[in-house]
Amino acid sequence: MKLLYFALRSEAQYFIEKLKAKKISSKLFIAEDYFIVIGGVGKENTIKSLQEFFNSYKVSTAFNIGIAGTNDQKIAIGSCYTCTKHTPFLPFKPLYTSLKAVSQSKSLKSTLYDMEGAYFLQVCQKYLPLKQIHIIKVVSDHLHSHSHITKAFVKEIMIQNYQKIIKVINA
């Protein structure tokens, strides 16, 4: 089984639908080969939800899938990147995890910003080898404006990238 870990329900919704996942609880779904966990935003939610998950379930591979901002205006909204390893299916971008939403940055050009990735890695490394832990992010904004990031918008950019992401997951 593989873990597909999302912070937001809107990030996970299309995966739940497409994979015909069955609801176990409000934050846990199961499909044929996948556990889908919706852990919540930020450090505390990520650590708590992952520890609870790993205390009850075992997986062969873990994927953190979600949205991220970038300070690089040349990166298109809706672009999808892997942030842990180079793959033939998605380009690579480094990821910086922040304790709060980042609204601007003059450093780390062409970096993606999120609020869960580093904590996802930290917890998963207690249960899995690093080579079996992956982070995939879809660009949602250019840091300066978060007003367009609605649930519908997030679901739409996840739908647009579903095939690419599934290809990486099933590689």
N, C-alpha and C. Protein backbone atom coordinates (compact mmCIF):
# COMPACT_ATOMS: atom_id res chain seq x y z
N MET A 1 0.84 -1.18 0.00
CA MET A 1 0.00 0.00 0.00
C MET A 1 0.88 1.25 0.00
N LYS A 2 0.36 2.29 -0.61
CA LYS A 2 1.05 3.57 -0.68
C LYS A 2 0.25 4.62 0.07
N LEU A 3 0.95 5.54 0.71
CA LEU A 3 0.31 6.65 1.39
C LEU A 3 0.31 7.87 0.49
N LEU A 4 -0.87 8.42 0.25
CA LEU A 4 -1.01 9.69 -0.44
C LEU A 4 -1.46 10.69 0.62
N TYR A 5 -0.58 11.58 0.99
CA TYR A 5 -0.82 12.50 2.09
C TYR A 5 -1.05 13.92 1.57
N PHE A 6 -2.16 14.51 1.97
CA PHE A 6 -2.54 15.87 1.56
C PHE A 6 -2.81 16.70 2.81
N ALA A 7 -2.56 18.00 2.74
CA ALA A 7 -2.92 18.89 3.84
C ALA A 7 -4.40 19.26 3.77
N LEU A 8 -4.90 19.49 2.57
CA LEU A 8 -6.25 20.01 2.37
C LEU A 8 -7.17 19.01 1.69
N ARG A 9 -8.42 19.03 2.06
CA ARG A 9 -9.43 18.18 1.41
C ARG A 9 -9.52 18.52 -0.09
N SER A 10 -9.43 19.81 -0.43
CA SER A 10 -9.52 20.21 -1.84
C SER A 10 -8.36 19.68 -2.67
N GLU A 11 -7.20 19.46 -2.05
CA GLU A 11 -6.07 18.84 -2.76
C GLU A 11 -6.35 17.36 -3.01
N ALA A 12 -6.98 16.71 -2.07
CA ALA A 12 -7.21 15.27 -2.12
C ALA A 12 -8.47 14.86 -2.87
N GLN A 13 -9.44 15.75 -3.00
CA GLN A 13 -10.78 15.40 -3.46
C GLN A 13 -10.79 14.62 -4.78
N TYR A 14 -10.07 15.09 -5.77
CA TYR A 14 -10.10 14.41 -7.07
C TYR A 14 -9.44 13.03 -6.99
N PHE A 15 -8.41 12.89 -6.17
CA PHE A 15 -7.76 11.59 -5.99
C PHE A 15 -8.73 10.62 -5.32
N ILE A 16 -9.48 11.10 -4.33
CA ILE A 16 -10.49 10.27 -3.67
C ILE A 16 -11.52 9.79 -4.68
N GLU A 17 -12.01 10.71 -5.51
CA GLU A 17 -13.02 10.38 -6.51
C GLU A 17 -12.46 9.43 -7.57
N LYS A 18 -11.32 9.78 -8.14
CA LYS A 18 -10.75 9.02 -9.26
C LYS A 18 -10.33 7.61 -8.84
N LEU A 19 -9.80 7.49 -7.62
CA LEU A 19 -9.34 6.19 -7.13
C LEU A 19 -10.46 5.40 -6.44
N LYS A 20 -11.67 5.99 -6.41
CA LYS A 20 -12.84 5.36 -5.79
C LYS A 20 -12.54 4.93 -4.36
N ALA A 21 -11.91 5.84 -3.63
CA ALA A 21 -11.53 5.56 -2.24
C ALA A 21 -12.75 5.57 -1.33
N LYS A 22 -12.73 4.67 -0.38
CA LYS A 22 -13.82 4.57 0.59
C LYS A 22 -13.41 5.28 1.88
N LYS A 23 -14.37 5.97 2.46
CA LYS A 23 -14.13 6.75 3.68
C LYS A 23 -14.02 5.83 4.90
N ILE A 24 -12.91 5.96 5.61
CA ILE A 24 -12.72 5.26 6.87
C ILE A 24 -13.05 6.22 8.01
N SER A 25 -12.59 7.45 7.86
CA SER A 25 -12.92 8.54 8.81
C SER A 25 -12.91 9.84 8.00
N SER A 26 -13.13 10.96 8.67
CA SER A 26 -13.17 12.23 7.94
C SER A 26 -11.83 12.59 7.30
N LYS A 27 -10.75 11.98 7.79
CA LYS A 27 -9.42 12.31 7.27
C LYS A 27 -8.68 11.11 6.69
N LEU A 28 -9.32 9.96 6.62
CA LEU A 28 -8.67 8.75 6.10
C LEU A 28 -9.58 8.04 5.13
N PHE A 29 -9.03 7.74 3.95
CA PHE A 29 -9.74 7.03 2.90
C PHE A 29 -8.85 5.89 2.44
N ILE A 30 -9.47 4.83 1.92
CA ILE A 30 -8.70 3.70 1.42
C ILE A 30 -9.20 3.32 0.04
N ALA A 31 -8.26 3.10 -0.85
CA ALA A 31 -8.55 2.62 -2.20
C ALA A 31 -7.76 1.32 -2.38
N GLU A 32 -7.83 0.73 -3.54
CA GLU A 32 -7.23 -0.59 -3.76
C GLU A 32 -5.77 -0.66 -3.31
N ASP A 33 -4.95 0.28 -3.72
CA ASP A 33 -3.52 0.26 -3.38
C ASP A 33 -3.07 1.45 -2.57
N TYR A 34 -4.03 2.26 -2.09
CA TYR A 34 -3.65 3.53 -1.49
C TYR A 34 -4.41 3.82 -0.20
N PHE A 35 -3.70 4.43 0.73
CA PHE A 35 -4.32 5.14 1.83
C PHE A 35 -4.26 6.61 1.45
N ILE A 36 -5.33 7.33 1.63
CA ILE A 36 -5.35 8.77 1.40
C ILE A 36 -5.63 9.43 2.74
N VAL A 37 -4.68 10.27 3.17
CA VAL A 37 -4.80 10.96 4.45
C VAL A 37 -4.86 12.46 4.19
N ILE A 38 -5.81 13.12 4.86
CA ILE A 38 -5.91 14.58 4.83
C ILE A 38 -5.51 15.04 6.22
N GLY A 39 -4.28 15.57 6.32
CA GLY A 39 -3.69 15.82 7.63
C GLY A 39 -3.86 17.20 8.21
N GLY A 40 -4.19 18.18 7.39
CA GLY A 40 -4.29 19.55 7.89
C GLY A 40 -3.02 20.33 7.57
N VAL A 41 -3.12 21.64 7.68
CA VAL A 41 -2.04 22.55 7.31
C VAL A 41 -1.06 22.73 8.47
N GLY A 42 0.22 22.79 8.17
CA GLY A 42 1.23 23.19 9.13
C GLY A 42 1.90 22.07 9.89
N LYS A 43 2.87 22.47 10.67
CA LYS A 43 3.75 21.56 11.40
C LYS A 43 2.99 20.62 12.34
N GLU A 44 2.22 21.19 13.25
CA GLU A 44 1.54 20.37 14.27
C GLU A 44 0.58 19.37 13.66
N ASN A 45 -0.24 19.83 12.71
CA ASN A 45 -1.20 18.94 12.06
C ASN A 45 -0.49 17.82 11.30
N THR A 46 0.58 18.17 10.60
CA THR A 46 1.30 17.17 9.82
C THR A 46 1.91 16.11 10.72
N ILE A 47 2.62 16.53 11.74
CA ILE A 47 3.28 15.58 12.64
C ILE A 47 2.25 14.70 13.34
N LYS A 48 1.21 15.30 13.89
CA LYS A 48 0.19 14.55 14.62
C LYS A 48 -0.52 13.54 13.72
N SER A 49 -0.98 13.99 12.56
CA SER A 49 -1.75 13.09 11.68
C SER A 49 -0.89 11.95 11.15
N LEU A 50 0.37 12.23 10.84
CA LEU A 50 1.26 11.16 10.34
C LEU A 50 1.60 10.17 11.44
N GLN A 51 1.87 10.65 12.64
CA GLN A 51 2.17 9.73 13.74
C GLN A 51 0.96 8.83 14.03
N GLU A 52 -0.23 9.41 14.03
CA GLU A 52 -1.44 8.61 14.23
C GLU A 52 -1.59 7.57 13.12
N PHE A 53 -1.35 7.98 11.88
CA PHE A 53 -1.46 7.06 10.76
C PHE A 53 -0.47 5.91 10.90
N PHE A 54 0.82 6.24 11.10
CA PHE A 54 1.85 5.21 11.17
C PHE A 54 1.71 4.32 12.40
N ASN A 55 1.04 4.77 13.44
CA ASN A 55 0.79 3.92 14.60
C ASN A 55 -0.23 2.82 14.28
N SER A 56 -1.01 3.01 13.22
CA SER A 56 -2.04 2.04 12.87
C SER A 56 -1.82 1.31 11.56
N TYR A 57 -1.03 1.88 10.66
CA TYR A 57 -0.90 1.32 9.31
C TYR A 57 0.56 1.29 8.86
N LYS A 58 0.83 0.38 7.94
CA LYS A 58 2.15 0.29 7.31
C LYS A 58 1.99 0.52 5.82
N VAL A 59 2.96 1.20 5.22
CA VAL A 59 2.96 1.46 3.78
C VAL A 59 4.35 1.20 3.23
N SER A 60 4.40 0.99 1.92
CA SER A 60 5.69 0.77 1.25
C SER A 60 6.32 2.08 0.79
N THR A 61 5.48 3.06 0.51
CA THR A 61 5.94 4.34 -0.04
C THR A 61 4.99 5.44 0.44
N ALA A 62 5.54 6.64 0.63
CA ALA A 62 4.72 7.77 1.07
C ALA A 62 4.92 8.96 0.14
N PHE A 63 3.80 9.60 -0.21
CA PHE A 63 3.80 10.77 -1.09
C PHE A 63 3.07 11.91 -0.41
N ASN A 64 3.72 13.06 -0.31
CA ASN A 64 3.05 14.29 0.11
C ASN A 64 2.73 15.04 -1.17
N ILE A 65 1.44 15.26 -1.41
CA ILE A 65 0.97 15.90 -2.63
C ILE A 65 0.18 17.13 -2.23
N GLY A 66 0.50 18.26 -2.85
CA GLY A 66 -0.25 19.45 -2.49
C GLY A 66 0.20 20.68 -3.24
N ILE A 67 -0.28 21.82 -2.76
CA ILE A 67 0.04 23.09 -3.41
C ILE A 67 1.23 23.75 -2.73
N ALA A 68 1.89 24.63 -3.51
CA ALA A 68 3.02 25.40 -3.00
C ALA A 68 3.07 26.72 -3.75
N GLY A 69 3.60 27.71 -3.09
CA GLY A 69 3.83 29.00 -3.75
C GLY A 69 5.25 29.06 -4.27
N THR A 70 5.52 30.06 -5.10
CA THR A 70 6.87 30.30 -5.60
C THR A 70 7.10 31.79 -5.72
N ASN A 71 8.36 32.19 -5.62
CA ASN A 71 8.70 33.60 -5.80
C ASN A 71 9.18 33.88 -7.22
N ASP A 72 9.15 32.89 -8.07
CA ASP A 72 9.63 33.03 -9.45
C ASP A 72 8.44 33.25 -10.39
N GLN A 73 8.29 34.46 -10.88
CA GLN A 73 7.18 34.82 -11.77
C GLN A 73 7.22 34.03 -13.09
N LYS A 74 8.35 33.46 -13.43
CA LYS A 74 8.47 32.70 -14.68
C LYS A 74 7.85 31.31 -14.56
N ILE A 75 7.61 30.86 -13.35
CA ILE A 75 7.00 29.55 -13.13
C ILE A 75 5.48 29.71 -13.21
N ALA A 76 4.87 28.98 -14.10
CA ALA A 76 3.43 29.11 -14.33
C ALA A 76 2.62 28.52 -13.18
N ILE A 77 1.54 29.21 -12.84
CA ILE A 77 0.58 28.67 -11.88
C ILE A 77 0.03 27.38 -12.48
N GLY A 78 -0.04 26.34 -11.66
CA GLY A 78 -0.50 25.04 -12.14
C GLY A 78 0.63 24.11 -12.54
N SER A 79 1.87 24.61 -12.56
CA SER A 79 3.02 23.74 -12.86
C SER A 79 3.21 22.73 -11.75
N CYS A 80 3.66 21.55 -12.09
CA CYS A 80 3.81 20.47 -11.12
C CYS A 80 5.28 20.04 -11.05
N TYR A 81 5.77 19.84 -9.82
CA TYR A 81 7.18 19.51 -9.60
C TYR A 81 7.33 18.43 -8.55
N THR A 82 8.40 17.67 -8.69
CA THR A 82 8.82 16.79 -7.62
C THR A 82 9.86 17.56 -6.81
N CYS A 83 9.84 17.39 -5.51
CA CYS A 83 10.72 18.18 -4.65
C CYS A 83 11.71 17.33 -3.85
N THR A 84 11.70 16.03 -4.06
CA THR A 84 12.62 15.17 -3.32
C THR A 84 13.60 14.44 -4.21
N LYS A 85 13.17 14.09 -5.41
CA LYS A 85 14.01 13.31 -6.31
C LYS A 85 13.75 13.71 -7.76
N HIS A 86 14.74 13.54 -8.57
CA HIS A 86 14.54 13.76 -10.00
C HIS A 86 13.83 12.53 -10.57
N THR A 87 12.83 12.75 -11.41
CA THR A 87 12.12 11.66 -12.07
C THR A 87 12.02 11.99 -13.56
N PRO A 88 11.79 10.99 -14.39
CA PRO A 88 11.61 11.28 -15.82
C PRO A 88 10.24 11.89 -16.12
N PHE A 89 9.34 11.92 -15.14
CA PHE A 89 7.96 12.34 -15.38
C PHE A 89 7.67 13.78 -14.98
N LEU A 90 8.43 14.31 -14.03
CA LEU A 90 8.20 15.68 -13.55
C LEU A 90 9.54 16.39 -13.35
N PRO A 91 9.57 17.70 -13.60
CA PRO A 91 10.80 18.45 -13.29
C PRO A 91 10.97 18.59 -11.78
N PHE A 92 12.18 18.87 -11.37
CA PHE A 92 12.53 19.01 -9.96
C PHE A 92 12.65 20.48 -9.56
N LYS A 93 12.15 20.83 -8.39
CA LYS A 93 12.36 22.14 -7.78
C LYS A 93 12.59 21.92 -6.29
N PRO A 94 13.52 22.67 -5.69
CA PRO A 94 13.69 22.55 -4.24
C PRO A 94 12.48 23.13 -3.50
N LEU A 95 12.26 22.63 -2.30
CA LEU A 95 11.11 23.04 -1.49
C LEU A 95 11.59 23.59 -0.16
N TYR A 96 11.04 24.72 0.24
CA TYR A 96 11.31 25.32 1.54
C TYR A 96 10.01 25.27 2.34
N THR A 97 10.08 24.71 3.55
CA THR A 97 8.90 24.63 4.40
C THR A 97 8.96 25.72 5.45
N SER A 98 7.86 26.45 5.58
CA SER A 98 7.77 27.57 6.49
C SER A 98 6.71 27.31 7.56
N LEU A 99 6.88 27.92 8.72
CA LEU A 99 5.88 27.77 9.79
C LEU A 99 4.61 28.55 9.51
N LYS A 100 4.69 29.56 8.65
CA LYS A 100 3.50 30.33 8.28
C LYS A 100 3.53 30.61 6.79
N ALA A 101 2.42 31.05 6.26
CA ALA A 101 2.33 31.34 4.82
C ALA A 101 3.35 32.41 4.45
N VAL A 102 4.09 32.18 3.38
CA VAL A 102 5.10 33.11 2.91
C VAL A 102 4.45 34.03 1.89
N SER A 103 4.61 35.35 2.09
CA SER A 103 3.99 36.29 1.15
C SER A 103 5.01 36.97 0.25
N GLN A 104 6.29 36.89 0.60
CA GLN A 104 7.33 37.40 -0.28
C GLN A 104 8.67 36.84 0.14
N SER A 105 9.58 36.76 -0.81
CA SER A 105 10.92 36.29 -0.53
C SER A 105 11.85 36.80 -1.61
N LYS A 106 12.94 37.40 -1.20
CA LYS A 106 13.95 37.85 -2.15
C LYS A 106 15.05 36.81 -2.30
N SER A 107 15.08 35.85 -1.41
CA SER A 107 16.09 34.80 -1.48
C SER A 107 15.48 33.54 -2.07
N LEU A 108 16.31 32.58 -2.29
CA LEU A 108 15.88 31.27 -2.78
C LEU A 108 15.04 31.36 -4.05
N LYS A 109 15.53 32.06 -5.03
CA LYS A 109 14.82 32.20 -6.31
C LYS A 109 14.53 30.82 -6.88
N SER A 110 13.39 30.69 -7.49
CA SER A 110 12.94 29.44 -8.11
C SER A 110 12.73 28.31 -7.11
N THR A 111 12.44 28.68 -5.89
CA THR A 111 12.14 27.69 -4.87
C THR A 111 10.63 27.66 -4.66
N LEU A 112 10.13 26.49 -4.27
CA LEU A 112 8.73 26.35 -3.91
C LEU A 112 8.62 26.45 -2.38
N TYR A 113 7.49 26.98 -1.92
CA TYR A 113 7.26 27.16 -0.49
C TYR A 113 5.97 26.46 -0.08
N ASP A 114 6.06 25.70 1.03
CA ASP A 114 4.86 25.08 1.58
C ASP A 114 4.92 25.13 3.09
N MET A 115 3.98 24.46 3.74
CA MET A 115 3.95 24.47 5.20
C MET A 115 3.96 23.06 5.81
N GLU A 116 4.21 22.02 4.98
CA GLU A 116 4.19 20.64 5.48
C GLU A 116 5.39 19.79 5.09
N GLY A 117 6.00 20.04 3.96
CA GLY A 117 6.98 19.13 3.38
C GLY A 117 8.08 18.65 4.30
N ALA A 118 8.76 19.55 4.99
CA ALA A 118 9.87 19.16 5.86
C ALA A 118 9.38 18.26 7.01
N TYR A 119 8.20 18.55 7.52
CA TYR A 119 7.66 17.76 8.64
C TYR A 119 7.20 16.39 8.14
N PHE A 120 6.67 16.34 6.93
CA PHE A 120 6.32 15.07 6.30
C PHE A 120 7.57 14.20 6.19
N LEU A 121 8.66 14.75 5.69
CA LEU A 121 9.92 14.00 5.59
C LEU A 121 10.40 13.54 6.96
N GLN A 122 10.37 14.44 7.91
CA GLN A 122 10.86 14.16 9.26
C GLN A 122 10.13 12.96 9.87
N VAL A 123 8.82 12.93 9.79
CA VAL A 123 8.06 11.83 10.39
C VAL A 123 8.21 10.55 9.56
N CYS A 124 8.07 10.66 8.25
CA CYS A 124 8.13 9.46 7.41
C CYS A 124 9.47 8.74 7.49
N GLN A 125 10.55 9.48 7.71
CA GLN A 125 11.88 8.86 7.80
C GLN A 125 12.01 7.93 9.00
N LYS A 126 11.13 8.06 9.97
CA LYS A 126 11.13 7.14 11.12
C LYS A 126 10.56 5.78 10.74
N TYR A 127 9.81 5.74 9.63
CA TYR A 127 9.10 4.52 9.25
C TYR A 127 9.52 3.95 7.90
N LEU A 128 10.13 4.78 7.06
CA LEU A 128 10.48 4.37 5.70
C LEU A 128 11.87 4.86 5.32
N PRO A 129 12.56 4.14 4.42
CA PRO A 129 13.82 4.68 3.90
C PRO A 129 13.54 5.94 3.07
N LEU A 130 14.49 6.85 3.06
CA LEU A 130 14.34 8.13 2.36
C LEU A 130 13.95 7.94 0.89
N LYS A 131 14.48 6.92 0.23
CA LYS A 131 14.19 6.71 -1.19
C LYS A 131 12.71 6.35 -1.44
N GLN A 132 11.96 6.06 -0.39
CA GLN A 132 10.56 5.71 -0.52
C GLN A 132 9.63 6.84 -0.06
N ILE A 133 10.19 8.04 0.10
CA ILE A 133 9.42 9.20 0.54
C ILE A 133 9.51 10.26 -0.55
N HIS A 134 8.37 10.75 -1.01
CA HIS A 134 8.32 11.67 -2.13
C HIS A 134 7.44 12.88 -1.81
N ILE A 135 7.82 14.03 -2.36
CA ILE A 135 7.00 15.23 -2.25
C ILE A 135 6.74 15.75 -3.66
N ILE A 136 5.47 15.97 -3.96
CA ILE A 136 5.05 16.49 -5.26
C ILE A 136 4.20 17.73 -4.99
N LYS A 137 4.57 18.84 -5.61
CA LYS A 137 3.85 20.09 -5.37
C LYS A 137 3.38 20.72 -6.69
N VAL A 138 2.18 21.30 -6.62
CA VAL A 138 1.59 22.04 -7.74
C VAL A 138 1.60 23.52 -7.35
N VAL A 139 2.12 24.36 -8.23
CA VAL A 139 2.24 25.79 -7.93
C VAL A 139 0.86 26.45 -7.93
N SER A 140 0.55 27.09 -6.80
CA SER A 140 -0.76 27.72 -6.64
C SER A 140 -0.70 29.25 -6.70
N ASP A 141 0.49 29.81 -6.46
CA ASP A 141 0.58 31.28 -6.39
C ASP A 141 2.03 31.73 -6.49
N HIS A 142 2.19 33.04 -6.67
CA HIS A 142 3.52 33.67 -6.73
C HIS A 142 3.80 34.44 -5.44
N LEU A 143 3.33 33.94 -4.33
CA LEU A 143 3.54 34.43 -2.97
C LEU A 143 2.83 35.73 -2.63
N HIS A 144 2.76 36.68 -3.52
CA HIS A 144 2.22 37.98 -3.16
C HIS A 144 0.70 38.03 -3.06
N SER A 145 -0.01 37.12 -3.67
CA SER A 145 -1.47 37.17 -3.61
C SER A 145 -2.03 35.76 -3.41
N HIS A 146 -2.72 35.58 -2.31
CA HIS A 146 -3.34 34.29 -2.02
C HIS A 146 -4.86 34.34 -2.21
N SER A 147 -5.38 35.49 -2.65
CA SER A 147 -6.83 35.68 -2.71
C SER A 147 -7.53 34.75 -3.70
N HIS A 148 -6.83 34.31 -4.74
CA HIS A 148 -7.45 33.44 -5.75
C HIS A 148 -7.42 31.96 -5.35
N ILE A 149 -6.83 31.63 -4.24
CA ILE A 149 -6.66 30.23 -3.86
C ILE A 149 -7.92 29.76 -3.12
N THR A 150 -8.92 29.41 -3.90
CA THR A 150 -10.17 28.87 -3.35
C THR A 150 -10.12 27.35 -3.39
N LYS A 151 -11.05 26.72 -2.72
CA LYS A 151 -11.13 25.25 -2.76
C LYS A 151 -11.31 24.77 -4.20
N ALA A 152 -12.16 25.45 -4.95
CA ALA A 152 -12.42 25.07 -6.35
C ALA A 152 -11.15 25.22 -7.19
N PHE A 153 -10.40 26.30 -6.98
CA PHE A 153 -9.16 26.52 -7.72
C PHE A 153 -8.15 25.41 -7.41
N VAL A 154 -8.00 25.08 -6.14
CA VAL A 154 -7.06 24.03 -5.74
C VAL A 154 -7.45 22.70 -6.37
N LYS A 155 -8.72 22.35 -6.30
CA LYS A 155 -9.18 21.10 -6.91
C LYS A 155 -8.89 21.10 -8.41
N GLU A 156 -9.12 22.23 -9.07
CA GLU A 156 -8.91 22.32 -10.52
C GLU A 156 -7.44 22.10 -10.90
N ILE A 157 -6.50 22.71 -10.16
CA ILE A 157 -5.09 22.51 -10.54
C ILE A 157 -4.62 21.10 -10.19
N MET A 158 -5.27 20.47 -9.22
CA MET A 158 -4.94 19.07 -8.93
C MET A 158 -5.48 18.17 -10.04
N ILE A 159 -6.68 18.46 -10.53
CA ILE A 159 -7.25 17.70 -11.65
C ILE A 159 -6.34 17.81 -12.87
N GLN A 160 -5.87 19.02 -13.16
CA GLN A 160 -5.00 19.25 -14.32
C GLN A 160 -3.70 18.45 -14.24
N ASN A 161 -3.25 18.14 -13.03
CA ASN A 161 -1.97 17.45 -12.86
C ASN A 161 -2.11 16.00 -12.42
N TYR A 162 -3.33 15.51 -12.32
CA TYR A 162 -3.58 14.17 -11.81
C TYR A 162 -2.79 13.10 -12.58
N GLN A 163 -2.85 13.11 -13.89
CA GLN A 163 -2.18 12.07 -14.68
C GLN A 163 -0.67 12.06 -14.47
N LYS A 164 -0.07 13.26 -14.41
CA LYS A 164 1.38 13.34 -14.17
C LYS A 164 1.73 12.79 -12.79
N ILE A 165 0.93 13.16 -11.80
CA ILE A 165 1.21 12.74 -10.43
C ILE A 165 1.04 11.23 -10.29
N ILE A 166 -0.02 10.68 -10.84
CA ILE A 166 -0.25 9.24 -10.78
C ILE A 166 0.87 8.46 -11.47
N LYS A 167 1.38 9.02 -12.54
CA LYS A 167 2.50 8.38 -13.25
C LYS A 167 3.72 8.26 -12.33
N VAL A 168 4.02 9.31 -11.56
CA VAL A 168 5.14 9.28 -10.61
C VAL A 168 4.84 8.28 -9.49
N ILE A 169 3.63 8.30 -8.97
CA ILE A 169 3.25 7.40 -7.88
C ILE A 169 3.37 5.94 -8.29
N ASN A 170 2.98 5.64 -9.50
CA ASN A 170 2.97 4.24 -9.96
C ASN A 170 4.24 3.81 -10.67
N ALA A 171 5.23 4.69 -10.74
CA ALA A 171 6.51 4.35 -11.42
C ALA A 171 7.29 3.32 -10.63
